[in-house]
N, C-alpha and C. Protein backbone atom coordinates (compact mmCIF):
# COMPACT_ATOMS: atom_id res chain seq x y z
N MET A 1 0.84 -1.20 -0.04
CA MET A 1 -0.04 -0.03 0.03
C MET A 1 0.82 1.27 0.01
N GLN A 2 2.09 1.09 0.13
CA GLN A 2 2.99 2.29 0.09
C GLN A 2 2.85 3.02 -1.20
N HIS A 3 2.61 2.31 -2.31
CA HIS A 3 2.42 2.93 -3.62
C HIS A 3 1.32 3.84 -3.63
N ARG A 4 0.47 3.87 -2.62
CA ARG A 4 -0.77 4.75 -2.60
C ARG A 4 -0.46 6.09 -1.97
N GLY A 5 0.60 6.28 -1.41
CA GLY A 5 0.96 7.61 -0.82
C GLY A 5 2.15 7.62 0.05
N ASP A 6 2.65 8.75 0.36
CA ASP A 6 3.79 8.90 1.19
C ASP A 6 3.51 8.78 2.71
N ASP A 7 2.19 8.68 3.03
CA ASP A 7 1.82 8.63 4.44
C ASP A 7 1.81 7.24 5.07
N VAL A 8 2.23 6.29 4.29
CA VAL A 8 2.26 4.86 4.78
C VAL A 8 3.65 4.49 5.03
N VAL A 9 3.98 4.28 6.32
CA VAL A 9 5.33 3.94 6.72
C VAL A 9 5.43 2.71 7.56
N PRO A 10 5.85 1.59 7.02
CA PRO A 10 6.00 0.37 7.83
C PRO A 10 7.09 0.55 8.83
N ILE A 11 6.92 0.06 10.10
CA ILE A 11 7.91 0.03 11.07
C ILE A 11 8.17 -1.38 11.57
N PRO A 12 9.01 -2.21 10.87
CA PRO A 12 9.20 -3.56 11.25
C PRO A 12 10.05 -3.61 12.50
N GLY A 13 9.87 -4.55 13.33
CA GLY A 13 10.74 -4.70 14.55
C GLY A 13 11.55 -6.00 14.38
N THR A 14 12.73 -6.02 14.86
CA THR A 14 13.56 -7.23 14.76
C THR A 14 14.63 -7.21 15.80
N LYS A 15 15.09 -8.40 16.14
CA LYS A 15 16.13 -8.48 17.14
C LYS A 15 17.54 -8.97 16.42
N ARG A 16 17.42 -9.28 15.16
CA ARG A 16 18.57 -9.88 14.48
C ARG A 16 19.05 -8.92 13.42
N ILE A 17 20.34 -8.72 13.23
CA ILE A 17 20.88 -7.88 12.25
C ILE A 17 20.53 -8.39 10.85
N LYS A 18 20.49 -9.80 10.62
CA LYS A 18 20.16 -10.34 9.39
C LYS A 18 18.81 -9.89 8.93
N TYR A 19 17.80 -9.89 9.83
CA TYR A 19 16.45 -9.47 9.41
C TYR A 19 16.36 -7.95 9.27
N LEU A 20 17.18 -7.17 9.97
CA LEU A 20 17.20 -5.71 9.78
C LEU A 20 17.76 -5.43 8.36
N GLU A 21 18.71 -6.15 7.96
CA GLU A 21 19.33 -5.95 6.64
C GLU A 21 18.31 -6.34 5.55
N GLU A 22 17.53 -7.43 5.79
CA GLU A 22 16.46 -7.77 4.83
C GLU A 22 15.44 -6.71 4.80
N ASN A 23 15.03 -6.16 5.87
CA ASN A 23 13.99 -5.12 5.92
C ASN A 23 14.47 -3.84 5.18
N VAL A 24 15.73 -3.50 5.36
CA VAL A 24 16.26 -2.31 4.69
C VAL A 24 16.34 -2.58 3.16
N ALA A 25 16.80 -3.78 2.78
CA ALA A 25 16.80 -4.15 1.29
C ALA A 25 15.54 -4.07 0.68
N ALA A 26 14.40 -4.34 1.42
CA ALA A 26 13.04 -4.26 0.87
C ALA A 26 12.69 -2.85 0.42
N ALA A 27 13.28 -1.84 0.93
CA ALA A 27 13.06 -0.46 0.54
C ALA A 27 13.33 -0.27 -0.94
N SER A 28 14.26 -1.00 -1.51
CA SER A 28 14.61 -0.84 -2.94
C SER A 28 13.83 -1.76 -3.84
N LEU A 29 12.94 -2.56 -3.26
CA LEU A 29 12.15 -3.50 -4.06
C LEU A 29 11.11 -2.66 -4.91
N ALA A 30 11.10 -3.00 -6.19
CA ALA A 30 10.13 -2.29 -7.13
C ALA A 30 9.09 -3.39 -7.53
N LEU A 31 7.78 -3.12 -7.40
CA LEU A 31 6.72 -3.96 -7.78
C LEU A 31 6.13 -3.44 -9.05
N SER A 32 5.82 -4.27 -9.99
CA SER A 32 5.17 -3.91 -11.19
C SER A 32 3.69 -3.73 -10.92
N SER A 33 2.96 -3.13 -11.86
CA SER A 33 1.55 -2.93 -11.67
C SER A 33 0.83 -4.28 -11.63
N ASP A 34 1.35 -5.31 -12.43
CA ASP A 34 0.79 -6.71 -12.23
C ASP A 34 0.94 -7.20 -10.92
N ASP A 35 2.24 -7.03 -10.24
CA ASP A 35 2.47 -7.51 -8.89
C ASP A 35 1.46 -6.92 -7.94
N LEU A 36 1.28 -5.55 -8.06
CA LEU A 36 0.41 -4.87 -7.19
C LEU A 36 -1.09 -5.34 -7.31
N ALA A 37 -1.43 -5.56 -8.60
CA ALA A 37 -2.81 -6.05 -8.85
C ALA A 37 -3.03 -7.48 -8.19
N ALA A 38 -1.99 -8.33 -8.28
CA ALA A 38 -2.05 -9.68 -7.74
C ALA A 38 -2.20 -9.62 -6.22
N ILE A 39 -1.38 -8.73 -5.62
CA ILE A 39 -1.47 -8.57 -4.19
C ILE A 39 -2.86 -8.05 -3.72
N GLU A 40 -3.36 -7.04 -4.44
CA GLU A 40 -4.68 -6.54 -4.05
C GLU A 40 -5.78 -7.47 -4.36
N ALA A 41 -5.60 -8.37 -5.30
CA ALA A 41 -6.68 -9.46 -5.50
C ALA A 41 -6.58 -10.49 -4.44
N ALA A 42 -5.31 -10.76 -3.93
CA ALA A 42 -5.22 -11.77 -2.93
C ALA A 42 -5.63 -11.33 -1.52
N VAL A 43 -5.30 -10.07 -1.28
CA VAL A 43 -5.64 -9.42 0.04
C VAL A 43 -6.15 -8.00 -0.22
N PRO A 44 -7.45 -7.87 -0.41
CA PRO A 44 -8.01 -6.55 -0.74
C PRO A 44 -7.79 -5.57 0.55
N ALA A 45 -7.54 -4.35 0.20
CA ALA A 45 -7.33 -3.33 1.28
C ALA A 45 -8.50 -3.29 2.25
N SER A 46 -9.66 -3.55 1.80
CA SER A 46 -10.87 -3.56 2.61
C SER A 46 -10.87 -4.70 3.72
N ALA A 47 -10.09 -5.69 3.42
CA ALA A 47 -10.00 -6.85 4.34
C ALA A 47 -9.05 -6.54 5.48
N VAL A 48 -8.14 -5.59 5.38
CA VAL A 48 -7.14 -5.31 6.40
C VAL A 48 -7.25 -3.83 6.91
N ALA A 49 -8.22 -3.11 6.49
CA ALA A 49 -8.44 -1.69 6.89
C ALA A 49 -9.17 -1.67 8.17
N GLY A 50 -8.87 -0.67 8.97
CA GLY A 50 -9.67 -0.47 10.21
C GLY A 50 -8.82 -0.11 11.38
N ASP A 51 -9.42 -0.12 12.51
CA ASP A 51 -8.70 0.24 13.73
C ASP A 51 -7.83 -0.92 14.17
N ARG A 52 -6.63 -0.54 14.74
CA ARG A 52 -5.70 -1.56 15.21
C ARG A 52 -6.25 -2.26 16.45
N TYR A 53 -6.90 -1.48 17.28
CA TYR A 53 -7.40 -2.05 18.51
C TYR A 53 -8.93 -1.78 18.58
N PRO A 54 -9.65 -2.71 19.18
CA PRO A 54 -11.15 -2.51 19.25
C PRO A 54 -11.47 -1.27 20.11
N ASP A 55 -12.63 -0.73 19.95
CA ASP A 55 -13.07 0.48 20.78
C ASP A 55 -13.44 -0.18 22.13
N MET A 56 -12.64 0.20 23.13
CA MET A 56 -12.85 -0.33 24.48
C MET A 56 -13.86 0.53 25.29
N SER A 57 -14.30 1.60 24.71
CA SER A 57 -15.23 2.46 25.60
C SER A 57 -16.58 1.82 25.79
N THR A 58 -16.93 0.75 25.07
CA THR A 58 -18.24 0.16 25.29
C THR A 58 -18.06 -1.18 26.05
N VAL A 59 -16.95 -1.60 26.43
CA VAL A 59 -16.73 -2.91 27.11
C VAL A 59 -17.30 -2.78 28.54
N GLY A 60 -18.12 -3.83 28.85
CA GLY A 60 -18.60 -3.82 30.23
C GLY A 60 -19.91 -3.02 30.50
N ARG A 61 -20.46 -2.54 29.39
CA ARG A 61 -21.69 -1.78 29.43
C ARG A 61 -22.83 -2.61 29.29
């Protein structure tokens, strides 16, 4: 979804240098429009959009 705007910034966490290097290398990865279409078809944005945590203001009411 980063191709949709500059306001999407992944923040991966890792404890190993190897994985940090892999994460940094991913920044130079270029996906074609076909790649992006395949990803969107497999996992539509609507399936993963929404709040990270549930609204807890109504719990216990």
